[in-house]
Amino acid sequence: MKIEIGTRQFRAIPGKQHLLSDHPTNIKSLYTNKDEYKNLLDEYQDEIFDLQNMLFAHDRYALLLIFQGMDTSGKDGAIRQVMSGIDPAGVQVFSFKKPSATEMDHDYLWRTNLCLPERGRIGIFNRSYYEEVLIVKVHPEILSASRIPNEMMKNDDSFWQSRYSDIRNHEAYLYRNGIRVVKFFMHLSKEEQRQRFLSRIQEPAKNWKFSVVDVNERGYWDEYQKAYEACIRHTTTEESPWYVIPADEKKNARLIIAKVVLETMRSLHISYPELPDGQKKELEEIRGKLEGE
């Protein structure tokens, strides 16, 4: 029996308070064995590939996928696995780290705006402008280095509400211009993160991934959970939704993400361009000559 993965249960509801404790970090397996997992992921990737080609040919829409989550939540692996089966020429992946001096001289949306996908393409942000209401909220001292005017740097509820409003308006603007934004929060448990940190230490091939900074950030776990809850509540919309992805089991997470991407692309009003009659006739004449050689 073919497995059907329902994605609606992972989609955040606009206007609703989202307590992460109400969202599971692990769910019942969506596949029965490795072969079934591979076949299902391959099926999703094949259709995404076909729709990506149509997206490029249609040249009206773009798709922006945003991945956020705690360290070790599986953002890199999900991006790599889910998008591995599609044409790399049509996909752009950007990872956003600490802002550079040049980036700090601009508004916080500037550096990500430079990386928005062109029409017909898929853009992927590994972290994004959402860091400005996540890590900056957890570490408000970062605001002092942001170079925004002192009178605007209040660090109170009105300040964060303004940023949420800026982001909603920004994404609404993108939507009106044909860029569909889909956001994934990789919902990892604190215990699973501990196990993944230990794995990075114990396995030499993973040592390079380990960072003391990441472990230090673990000390702010509760603050980050609250920041994500507020972020999801205030910035999920029908047009630009958040999906809370249970991330303790990587294969489950990847299947859900692939299905969401597929459903989003299916929802686009795209088709291959219709050739004018004169060009169709010309192609028929060329085909006849080639077949007659």
C-alpha atoms as a PDB file:
ATOM      1  CA  MET A   1       0.000   0.000   0.000  1.00  0.00           C
ATOM      2  CA  LYS A   2       1.319   3.414  -0.978  1.00  0.00           C
ATOM      3  CA  ILE A   3       2.015   5.701   1.985  1.00  0.00           C
ATOM      4  CA  GLU A   4       0.317   9.105   1.918  1.00  0.00           C
ATOM      5  CA  ILE A   5       1.993  11.786   4.003  1.00  0.00           C
ATOM      6  CA  GLY A   6      -0.377  14.467   5.256  1.00  0.00           C
ATOM      7  CA  THR A   7       1.432  17.779   5.657  1.00  0.00           C
ATOM      8  CA  ARG A   8      -1.387  19.940   7.014  1.00  0.00           C
ATOM      9  CA  GLN A   9      -0.771  18.700  10.573  1.00  0.00           C
ATOM     10  CA  PHE A  10       2.706  20.257  10.523  1.00  0.00           C
ATOM     11  CA  ARG A  11       1.576  23.628   9.173  1.00  0.00           C
ATOM     12  CA  ALA A  12       1.337  26.454  11.701  1.00  0.00           C
ATOM     13  CA  ILE A  13      -2.071  28.124  11.916  1.00  0.00           C
ATOM     14  CA  PRO A  14      -2.019  31.917  11.458  1.00  0.00           C
ATOM     15  CA  GLY A  15      -2.923  33.845  14.597  1.00  0.00           C
ATOM     16  CA  LYS A  16      -2.679  30.842  16.888  1.00  0.00           C
ATOM     17  CA  GLN A  17      -0.243  30.685  19.776  1.00  0.00           C
ATOM     18  CA  HIS A  18       2.152  27.852  19.049  1.00  0.00           C
ATOM     19  CA  LEU A  19       3.709  26.200  22.070  1.00  0.00           C
ATOM     20  CA  LEU A  20       6.507  23.988  20.799  1.00  0.00           C
ATOM     21  CA  SER A  21       5.763  21.574  23.616  1.00  0.00           C
ATOM     22  CA  ASP A  22       2.488  20.839  21.784  1.00  0.00           C
ATOM     23  CA  HIS A  23       4.384  19.843  18.632  1.00  0.00           C
ATOM     24  CA  PRO A  24       6.152  16.457  18.602  1.00  0.00           C
ATOM     25  CA  THR A  25       9.855  16.251  17.819  1.00  0.00           C
ATOM     26  CA  ASN A  26       9.375  12.620  16.796  1.00  0.00           C
ATOM     27  CA  ILE A  27       6.490  10.797  15.134  1.00  0.00           C
ATOM     28  CA  LYS A  28       5.655   7.288  13.998  1.00  0.00           C
ATOM     29  CA  SER A  29       7.840   6.237  11.081  1.00  0.00           C
ATOM     30  CA  LEU A  30       6.470   7.229   7.684  1.00  0.00           C
ATOM     31  CA  TYR A  31       8.153   4.259   6.009  1.00  0.00           C
ATOM     32  CA  THR A  32       8.563   0.586   6.892  1.00  0.00           C
ATOM     33  CA  ASN A  33      12.136   0.035   5.668  1.00  0.00           C
ATOM     34  CA  LYS A  34      15.049   1.756   3.924  1.00  0.00           C
ATOM     35  CA  ASP A  35      13.920   0.696   0.458  1.00  0.00           C
ATOM     36  CA  GLU A  36      10.464   2.133   0.990  1.00  0.00           C
ATOM     37  CA  TYR A  37      11.985   5.389   2.266  1.00  0.00           C
ATOM     38  CA  LYS A  38      14.252   5.645  -0.778  1.00  0.00           C
ATOM     39  CA  ASN A  39      11.446   4.839  -3.220  1.00  0.00           C
ATOM     40  CA  LEU A  40       9.149   7.419  -1.661  1.00  0.00           C
ATOM     41  CA  LEU A  41      11.812  10.134  -1.602  1.00  0.00           C
ATOM     42  CA  ASP A  42      12.782   9.281  -5.200  1.00  0.00           C
ATOM     43  CA  GLU A  43       9.145   9.597  -6.253  1.00  0.00           C
ATOM     44  CA  TYR A  44       8.859  13.038  -4.689  1.00  0.00           C
ATOM     45  CA  GLN A  45      12.190  14.151  -6.175  1.00  0.00           C
ATOM     46  CA  ASP A  46      11.215  12.991  -9.660  1.00  0.00           C
ATOM     47  CA  GLU A  47       8.025  15.043  -9.651  1.00  0.00           C
ATOM     48  CA  ILE A  48       9.811  18.053  -8.126  1.00  0.00           C
ATOM     49  CA  PHE A  49      12.357  17.765 -10.954  1.00  0.00           C
ATOM     50  CA  ASP A  50       9.602  17.792 -13.586  1.00  0.00           C
ATOM     51  CA  LEU A  51       7.855  20.738 -11.957  1.00  0.00           C
ATOM     52  CA  GLN A  52      11.151  22.591 -11.606  1.00  0.00           C
ATOM     53  CA  ASN A  53      11.661  22.369 -15.376  1.00  0.00           C
ATOM     54  CA  MET A  54       8.149  23.695 -15.912  1.00  0.00           C
ATOM     55  CA  LEU A  55       8.767  26.458 -13.342  1.00  0.00           C
ATOM     56  CA  PHE A  56      11.855  27.536 -15.276  1.00  0.00           C
ATOM     57  CA  ALA A  57      10.090  27.459 -18.634  1.00  0.00           C
ATOM     58  CA  HIS A  58       7.038  29.325 -17.299  1.00  0.00           C
ATOM     59  CA  ASP A  59       9.326  32.047 -15.922  1.00  0.00           C
ATOM     60  CA  ARG A  60       6.744  33.773 -13.726  1.00  0.00           C
ATOM     61  CA  TYR A  61       7.135  32.305 -10.248  1.00  0.00           C
ATOM     62  CA  ALA A  62      10.053  31.624  -7.910  1.00  0.00           C
ATOM     63  CA  LEU A  63      10.175  29.486  -4.789  1.00  0.00           C
ATOM     64  CA  LEU A  64      12.043  30.436  -1.610  1.00  0.00           C
ATOM     65  CA  LEU A  65      12.570  27.728   1.030  1.00  0.00           C
ATOM     66  CA  ILE A  66      13.768  28.903   4.442  1.00  0.00           C
ATOM     67  CA  PHE A  67      15.289  26.498   6.974  1.00  0.00           C
ATOM     68  CA  GLN A  68      15.644  27.463  10.633  1.00  0.00           C
ATOM     69  CA  GLY A  69      16.405  25.388  13.714  1.00  0.00           C
ATOM     70  CA  MET A  70      18.721  24.769  16.611  1.00  0.00           C
ATOM     71  CA  ASP A  71      22.251  23.520  15.963  1.00  0.00           C
ATOM     72  CA  THR A  72      22.345  19.864  14.771  1.00  0.00           C
ATOM     73  CA  SER A  73      18.648  19.980  13.850  1.00  0.00           C
ATOM     74  CA  GLY A  74      19.422  18.622  10.377  1.00  0.00           C
ATOM     75  CA  LYS A  75      19.043  21.675   8.150  1.00  0.00           C
ATOM     76  CA  ASP A  76      22.085  20.866   5.991  1.00  0.00           C
ATOM     77  CA  GLY A  77      21.166  17.217   5.545  1.00  0.00           C
ATOM     78  CA  ALA A  78      17.554  17.997   4.694  1.00  0.00           C
ATOM     79  CA  ILE A  79      18.585  20.523   2.052  1.00  0.00           C
ATOM     80  CA  ARG A  80      21.143  18.135   0.580  1.00  0.00           C
ATOM     81  CA  GLN A  81      18.897  15.061   0.514  1.00  0.00           C
ATOM     82  CA  VAL A  82      15.601  16.610  -0.540  1.00  0.00           C
ATOM     83  CA  MET A  83      17.053  18.745  -3.325  1.00  0.00           C
ATOM     84  CA  SER A  84      19.677  16.285  -4.564  1.00  0.00           C
ATOM     85  CA  GLY A  85      17.483  14.943  -7.340  1.00  0.00           C
ATOM     86  CA  ILE A  86      16.800  18.212  -9.118  1.00  0.00           C
ATOM     87  CA  ASP A  87      18.707  20.287 -11.658  1.00  0.00           C
ATOM     88  CA  PRO A  88      21.408  22.235  -9.763  1.00  0.00           C
ATOM     89  CA  ALA A  89      21.272  24.979 -12.408  1.00  0.00           C
ATOM     90  CA  GLY A  90      17.824  25.915 -11.139  1.00  0.00           C
ATOM     91  CA  VAL A  91      18.616  25.955  -7.411  1.00  0.00           C
ATOM     92  CA  GLN A  92      20.589  28.444  -5.339  1.00  0.00           C
ATOM     93  CA  VAL A  93      21.553  27.705  -1.728  1.00  0.00           C
ATOM     94  CA  PHE A  94      22.744  30.420   0.651  1.00  0.00           C
ATOM     95  CA  SER A  95      23.900  30.014   4.251  1.00  0.00           C
ATOM     96  CA  PHE A  96      23.811  33.117   6.411  1.00  0.00           C
ATOM     97  CA  LYS A  97      26.323  33.469   9.220  1.00  0.00           C
ATOM     98  CA  LYS A  98      27.282  36.447  11.371  1.00  0.00           C
ATOM     99  CA  PRO A  99      26.778  39.658   9.327  1.00  0.00           C
ATOM    100  CA  SER A 100      29.889  41.233   7.832  1.00  0.00           C
ATOM    101  CA  ALA A 101      30.868  44.872   8.376  1.00  0.00           C
ATOM    102  CA  THR A 102      29.410  45.756   4.987  1.00  0.00           C
ATOM    103  CA  GLU A 103      26.157  43.974   5.769  1.00  0.00           C
ATOM    104  CA  MET A 104      25.906  45.778   9.109  1.00  0.00           C
ATOM    105  CA  ASP A 105      25.939  49.074   7.204  1.00  0.00           C
ATOM    106  CA  HIS A 106      22.615  48.111   5.609  1.00  0.00           C
ATOM    107  CA  ASP A 107      19.170  47.199   6.890  1.00  0.00           C
ATOM    108  CA  TYR A 108      18.861  43.617   8.084  1.00  0.00           C
ATOM    109  CA  LEU A 109      16.902  42.476   5.014  1.00  0.00           C
ATOM    110  CA  TRP A 110      19.509  43.775   2.584  1.00  0.00           C
ATOM    111  CA  ARG A 111      21.869  40.792   2.504  1.00  0.00           C
ATOM    112  CA  THR A 112      19.067  38.269   2.025  1.00  0.00           C
ATOM    113  CA  ASN A 113      17.357  40.421  -0.610  1.00  0.00           C
ATOM    114  CA  LEU A 114      20.545  40.177  -2.664  1.00  0.00           C
ATOM    115  CA  CYS A 115      20.082  36.399  -2.710  1.00  0.00           C
ATOM    116  CA  LEU A 116      16.404  36.142  -3.603  1.00  0.00           C
ATOM    117  CA  PRO A 117      15.736  33.622  -6.396  1.00  0.00           C
ATOM    118  CA  GLU A 118      15.102  34.832  -9.914  1.00  0.00           C
ATOM    119  CA  ARG A 119      11.853  33.940 -11.636  1.00  0.00           C
ATOM    120  CA  GLY A 120      11.817  30.299 -12.619  1.00  0.00           C
ATOM    121  CA  ARG A 121      14.233  29.217  -9.894  1.00  0.00           C
ATOM    122  CA  ILE A 122      14.269  27.776  -6.387  1.00  0.00           C
ATOM    123  CA  GLY A 123      16.167  29.600  -3.651  1.00  0.00           C
ATOM    124  CA  ILE A 124      17.127  28.004  -0.344  1.00  0.00           C
ATOM    125  CA  PHE A 125      18.135  29.949   2.760  1.00  0.00           C
ATOM    126  CA  ASN A 126      19.978  27.996   5.449  1.00  0.00           C
ATOM    127  CA  ARG A 127      19.164  30.464   8.233  1.00  0.00           C
ATOM    128  CA  SER A 128      17.846  33.812   7.080  1.00  0.00           C
ATOM    129  CA  TYR A 129      16.520  37.215   8.087  1.00  0.00           C
ATOM    130  CA  TYR A 130      14.677  35.347  10.835  1.00  0.00           C
ATOM    131  CA  GLU A 131      17.915  35.342  12.828  1.00  0.00           C
ATOM    132  CA  GLU A 132      17.033  38.976  13.558  1.00  0.00           C
ATOM    133  CA  VAL A 133      14.073  37.880  15.710  1.00  0.00           C
ATOM    134  CA  LEU A 134      15.753  34.732  17.046  1.00  0.00           C
ATOM    135  CA  ILE A 135      19.435  34.994  17.967  1.00  0.00           C
ATOM    136  CA  VAL A 136      19.173  38.779  18.296  1.00  0.00           C
ATOM    137  CA  LYS A 137      16.186  38.409  20.616  1.00  0.00           C
ATOM    138  CA  VAL A 138      18.017  35.844  22.748  1.00  0.00           C
ATOM    139  CA  HIS A 139      21.165  37.999  22.717  1.00  0.00           C
ATOM    140  CA  PRO A 140      19.878  41.593  22.692  1.00  0.00           C
ATOM    141  CA  GLU A 141      23.431  42.882  23.125  1.00  0.00           C
ATOM    142  CA  ILE A 142      23.807  42.222  19.392  1.00  0.00           C
ATOM    143  CA  LEU A 143      21.489  45.162  18.801  1.00  0.00           C
ATOM    144  CA  SER A 144      24.130  47.553  20.087  1.00  0.00           C
ATOM    145  CA  ALA A 145      26.356  46.556  17.163  1.00  0.00           C
ATOM    146  CA  SER A 146      23.614  46.825  14.559  1.00  0.00           C
ATOM    147  CA  ARG A 147      24.162  50.558  13.959  1.00  0.00           C
ATOM    148  CA  ILE A 148      20.482  51.383  13.885  1.00  0.00           C
ATOM    149  CA  PRO A 149      19.552  54.729  15.486  1.00  0.00           C
ATOM    150  CA  ASN A 150      19.580  54.671  19.283  1.00  0.00           C
ATOM    151  CA  GLU A 151      15.988  55.874  19.532  1.00  0.00           C
ATOM    152  CA  MET A 152      14.871  52.842  17.511  1.00  0.00           C
ATOM    153  CA  MET A 153      16.771  50.354  19.658  1.00  0.00           C
ATOM    154  CA  LYS A 154      14.299  49.821  22.497  1.00  0.00           C
ATOM    155  CA  ASN A 155      14.394  46.024  22.935  1.00  0.00           C
ATOM    156  CA  ASP A 156      10.820  45.959  24.169  1.00  0.00           C
ATOM    157  CA  ASP A 157       7.690  44.258  22.894  1.00  0.00           C
ATOM    158  CA  SER A 158       6.914  47.078  20.464  1.00  0.00           C
ATOM    159  CA  PHE A 159      10.372  46.694  18.892  1.00  0.00           C
ATOM    160  CA  TRP A 160       9.903  42.977  18.206  1.00  0.00           C
ATOM    161  CA  GLN A 161       6.318  43.471  17.046  1.00  0.00           C
ATOM    162  CA  SER A 162       7.637  45.980  14.518  1.00  0.00           C
ATOM    163  CA  ARG A 163      10.163  43.461  13.242  1.00  0.00           C
ATOM    164  CA  TYR A 164       7.507  40.760  12.912  1.00  0.00           C
ATOM    165  CA  SER A 165       5.386  43.270  10.984  1.00  0.00           C
ATOM    166  CA  ASP A 166       8.332  44.151   8.729  1.00  0.00           C
ATOM    167  CA  ILE A 167       8.853  40.456   7.925  1.00  0.00           C
ATOM    168  CA  ARG A 168       5.168  39.811   7.239  1.00  0.00           C
ATOM    169  CA  ASN A 169       5.020  42.824   4.937  1.00  0.00           C
ATOM    170  CA  HIS A 170       8.240  41.769   3.218  1.00  0.00           C
ATOM    171  CA  GLU A 171       6.915  38.277   2.536  1.00  0.00           C
ATOM    172  CA  ALA A 172       3.560  39.659   1.367  1.00  0.00           C
ATOM    173  CA  TYR A 173       5.465  41.858  -1.079  1.00  0.00           C
ATOM    174  CA  LEU A 174       7.409  38.834  -2.344  1.00  0.00           C
ATOM    175  CA  TYR A 175       4.166  36.882  -2.745  1.00  0.00           C
ATOM    176  CA  ARG A 176       2.617  39.656  -4.819  1.00  0.00           C
ATOM    177  CA  ASN A 177       5.667  39.524  -7.060  1.00  0.00           C
ATOM    178  CA  GLY A 178       5.458  35.792  -7.661  1.00  0.00           C
ATOM    179  CA  ILE A 179       7.941  34.556  -5.032  1.00  0.00           C
ATOM    180  CA  ARG A 180       6.386  31.844  -2.896  1.00  0.00           C
ATOM    181  CA  VAL A 181       7.980  31.608   0.562  1.00  0.00           C
ATOM    182  CA  VAL A 182       7.814  28.380   2.590  1.00  0.00           C
ATOM    183  CA  LYS A 183       9.495  28.182   5.995  1.00  0.00           C
ATOM    184  CA  PHE A 184      10.626  25.082   7.874  1.00  0.00           C
ATOM    185  CA  PHE A 185      11.395  25.005  11.583  1.00  0.00           C
ATOM    186  CA  MET A 186      13.394  21.858  12.335  1.00  0.00           C
ATOM    187  CA  HIS A 187      11.897  20.939  15.717  1.00  0.00           C
ATOM    188  CA  LEU A 188      14.571  19.014  17.625  1.00  0.00           C
ATOM    189  CA  SER A 189      14.431  17.755  21.212  1.00  0.00           C
ATOM    190  CA  LYS A 190      17.103  18.805  23.667  1.00  0.00           C
ATOM    191  CA  GLU A 191      18.037  15.165  24.304  1.00  0.00           C
ATOM    192  CA  GLU A 192      18.472  14.441  20.595  1.00  0.00           C
ATOM    193  CA  GLN A 193      20.686  17.492  20.262  1.00  0.00           C
ATOM    194  CA  ARG A 194      22.821  16.171  23.145  1.00  0.00           C
ATOM    195  CA  GLN A 195      23.206  12.822  21.386  1.00  0.00           C
ATOM    196  CA  ARG A 196      24.177  14.518  18.108  1.00  0.00           C
ATOM    197  CA  PHE A 197      26.774  16.673  19.848  1.00  0.00           C
ATOM    198  CA  LEU A 198      28.249  13.533  21.426  1.00  0.00           C
ATOM    199  CA  SER A 199      28.317  11.849  18.024  1.00  0.00           C
ATOM    200  CA  ARG A 200      30.272  14.769  16.583  1.00  0.00           C
ATOM    201  CA  ILE A 201      32.828  14.436  19.361  1.00  0.00           C
ATOM    202  CA  GLN A 202      33.088  10.640  19.299  1.00  0.00           C
ATOM    203  CA  GLU A 203      33.367  10.215  15.521  1.00  0.00           C
ATOM    204  CA  PRO A 204      36.599  11.693  14.069  1.00  0.00           C
ATOM    205  CA  ALA A 205      34.944  12.302  10.701  1.00  0.00           C
ATOM    206  CA  LYS A 206      32.433  14.584  12.426  1.00  0.00           C
ATOM    207  CA  ASN A 207      34.863  16.487  14.656  1.00  0.00           C
ATOM    208  CA  TRP A 208      35.064  19.366  12.206  1.00  0.00           C
ATOM    209  CA  LYS A 209      31.336  19.994  12.711  1.00  0.00           C
ATOM    210  CA  PHE A 210      31.716  20.452  16.457  1.00  0.00           C
ATOM    211  CA  SER A 211      31.795  23.972  17.846  1.00  0.00           C
ATOM    212  CA  VAL A 212      32.098  25.092  21.454  1.00  0.00           C
ATOM    213  CA  VAL A 213      29.931  28.069  20.508  1.00  0.00           C
ATOM    214  CA  ASP A 214      27.096  25.696  19.599  1.00  0.00           C
ATOM    215  CA  VAL A 215      27.300  24.033  22.999  1.00  0.00           C
ATOM    216  CA  ASN A 216      27.289  27.422  24.713  1.00  0.00           C
ATOM    217  CA  GLU A 217      24.118  28.334  22.814  1.00  0.00           C
ATOM    218  CA  ARG A 218      22.538  25.152  24.193  1.00  0.00           C
ATOM    219  CA  GLY A 219      22.515  26.936  27.548  1.00  0.00           C
ATOM    220  CA  TYR A 220      19.900  29.304  26.099  1.00  0.00           C
ATOM    221  CA  TRP A 221      17.609  26.474  25.000  1.00  0.00           C
ATOM    222  CA  ASP A 222      14.486  27.738  26.779  1.00  0.00           C
ATOM    223  CA  GLU A 223      15.007  31.285  25.528  1.00  0.00           C
ATOM    224  CA  TYR A 224      15.326  30.033  21.958  1.00  0.00           C
ATOM    225  CA  GLN A 225      12.169  27.945  22.270  1.00  0.00           C
ATOM    226  CA  LYS A 226      10.227  31.033  23.361  1.00  0.00           C
ATOM    227  CA  ALA A 227      11.765  33.104  20.556  1.00  0.00           C
ATOM    228  CA  TYR A 228      10.758  30.478  17.972  1.00  0.00           C
ATOM    229  CA  GLU A 229       7.244  30.249  19.394  1.00  0.00           C
ATOM    230  CA  ALA A 230       6.766  34.012  19.102  1.00  0.00           C
ATOM    231  CA  CYS A 231       8.354  34.095  15.663  1.00  0.00           C
ATOM    232  CA  ILE A 232       6.147  31.341  14.271  1.00  0.00           C
ATOM    233  CA  ARG A 233       3.015  32.810  15.836  1.00  0.00           C
ATOM    234  CA  HIS A 234       3.571  36.293  14.428  1.00  0.00           C
ATOM    235  CA  THR A 235       4.974  35.480  10.977  1.00  0.00           C
ATOM    236  CA  THR A 236       3.094  32.452   9.696  1.00  0.00           C
ATOM    237  CA  THR A 237       0.465  33.366   7.106  1.00  0.00           C
ATOM    238  CA  GLU A 238      -1.639  31.493   4.583  1.00  0.00           C
ATOM    239  CA  GLU A 239       0.559  32.828   1.793  1.00  0.00           C
ATOM    240  CA  SER A 240       3.926  32.278   3.539  1.00  0.00           C
ATOM    241  CA  PRO A 241       3.470  29.461   6.048  1.00  0.00           C
ATOM    242  CA  TRP A 242       5.693  27.937   8.689  1.00  0.00           C
ATOM    243  CA  TYR A 243       5.928  24.151   8.970  1.00  0.00           C
ATOM    244  CA  VAL A 244       7.039  22.701  12.307  1.00  0.00           C
ATOM    245  CA  ILE A 245       8.970  19.604  11.242  1.00  0.00           C
ATOM    246  CA  PRO A 246       9.616  16.832  13.794  1.00  0.00           C
ATOM    247  CA  ALA A 247      13.390  16.532  13.395  1.00  0.00           C
ATOM    248  CA  ASP A 248      14.513  13.823  15.809  1.00  0.00           C
ATOM    249  CA  GLU A 249      14.269  11.223  13.028  1.00  0.00           C
ATOM    250  CA  LYS A 250      16.004  12.559   9.933  1.00  0.00           C
ATOM    251  CA  LYS A 251      14.347  10.403   7.292  1.00  0.00           C
ATOM    252  CA  ASN A 252      10.853  11.317   8.490  1.00  0.00           C
ATOM    253  CA  ALA A 253      11.798  15.002   8.418  1.00  0.00           C
ATOM    254  CA  ARG A 254      13.121  14.765   4.869  1.00  0.00           C
ATOM    255  CA  LEU A 255      10.020  13.013   3.584  1.00  0.00           C
ATOM    256  CA  ILE A 256       7.735  15.649   5.105  1.00  0.00           C
ATOM    257  CA  ILE A 257       9.814  18.500   3.698  1.00  0.00           C
ATOM    258  CA  ALA A 258       9.907  16.915   0.234  1.00  0.00           C
ATOM    259  CA  LYS A 259       6.128  16.482   0.283  1.00  0.00           C
ATOM    260  CA  VAL A 260       5.599  20.114   1.327  1.00  0.00           C
ATOM    261  CA  VAL A 261       7.878  21.330  -1.478  1.00  0.00           C
ATOM    262  CA  LEU A 262       6.042  19.121  -3.958  1.00  0.00           C
ATOM    263  CA  GLU A 263       2.595  20.308  -2.843  1.00  0.00           C
ATOM    264  CA  THR A 264       3.706  23.936  -3.011  1.00  0.00           C
ATOM    265  CA  MET A 265       4.968  23.507  -6.568  1.00  0.00           C
ATOM    266  CA  ARG A 266       1.784  21.689  -7.579  1.00  0.00           C
ATOM    267  CA  SER A 267      -0.224  24.687  -6.342  1.00  0.00           C
ATOM    268  CA  LEU A 268       1.508  27.092  -8.730  1.00  0.00           C
ATOM    269  CA  HIS A 269      -0.315  28.023 -11.920  1.00  0.00           C
ATOM    270  CA  ILE A 270       2.503  26.988 -14.214  1.00  0.00           C
ATOM    271  CA  SER A 271       2.672  25.377 -17.642  1.00  0.00           C
ATOM    272  CA  TYR A 272       5.022  25.119 -20.562  1.00  0.00           C
ATOM    273  CA  PRO A 273       4.769  28.108 -22.933  1.00  0.00           C
ATOM    274  CA  GLU A 274       2.432  27.616 -25.875  1.00  0.00           C
ATOM    275  CA  LEU A 275       4.216  28.199 -29.182  1.00  0.00           C
ATOM    276  CA  PRO A 276       2.567  30.425 -31.786  1.00  0.00           C
ATOM    277  CA  ASP A 277       1.135  28.647 -34.839  1.00  0.00           C
ATOM    278  CA  GLY A 278       3.862  29.957 -37.129  1.00  0.00           C
ATOM    279  CA  GLN A 279       6.611  28.523 -34.946  1.00  0.00           C
ATOM    280  CA  LYS A 280       4.783  25.193 -34.637  1.00  0.00           C
ATOM    281  CA  LYS A 281       4.584  24.959 -38.420  1.00  0.00           C
ATOM    282  CA  GLU A 282       8.277  25.790 -38.709  1.00  0.00           C
ATOM    283  CA  LEU A 283       9.160  23.016 -36.235  1.00  0.00           C
ATOM    284  CA  GLU A 284       7.053  20.517 -38.189  1.00  0.00           C
ATOM    285  CA  GLU A 285       8.895  21.451 -41.386  1.00  0.00           C
ATOM    286  CA  ILE A 286      12.292  21.052 -39.665  1.00  0.00           C
ATOM    287  CA  ARG A 287      11.228  17.688 -38.235  1.00  0.00           C
ATOM    288  CA  GLY A 288      10.194  16.522 -41.694  1.00  0.00           C
ATOM    289  CA  LYS A 289      13.575  17.454 -43.154  1.00  0.00           C
ATOM    290  CA  LEU A 290      15.468  15.716 -40.331  1.00  0.00           C
ATOM    291  CA  GLU A 291      13.385  12.564 -40.626  1.00  0.00           C
ATOM    292  CA  GLY A 292      13.972  12.523 -44.371  1.00  0.00           C
ATOM    293  CA  GLU A 293      17.771  12.558 -44.128  1.00  0.00           C
END
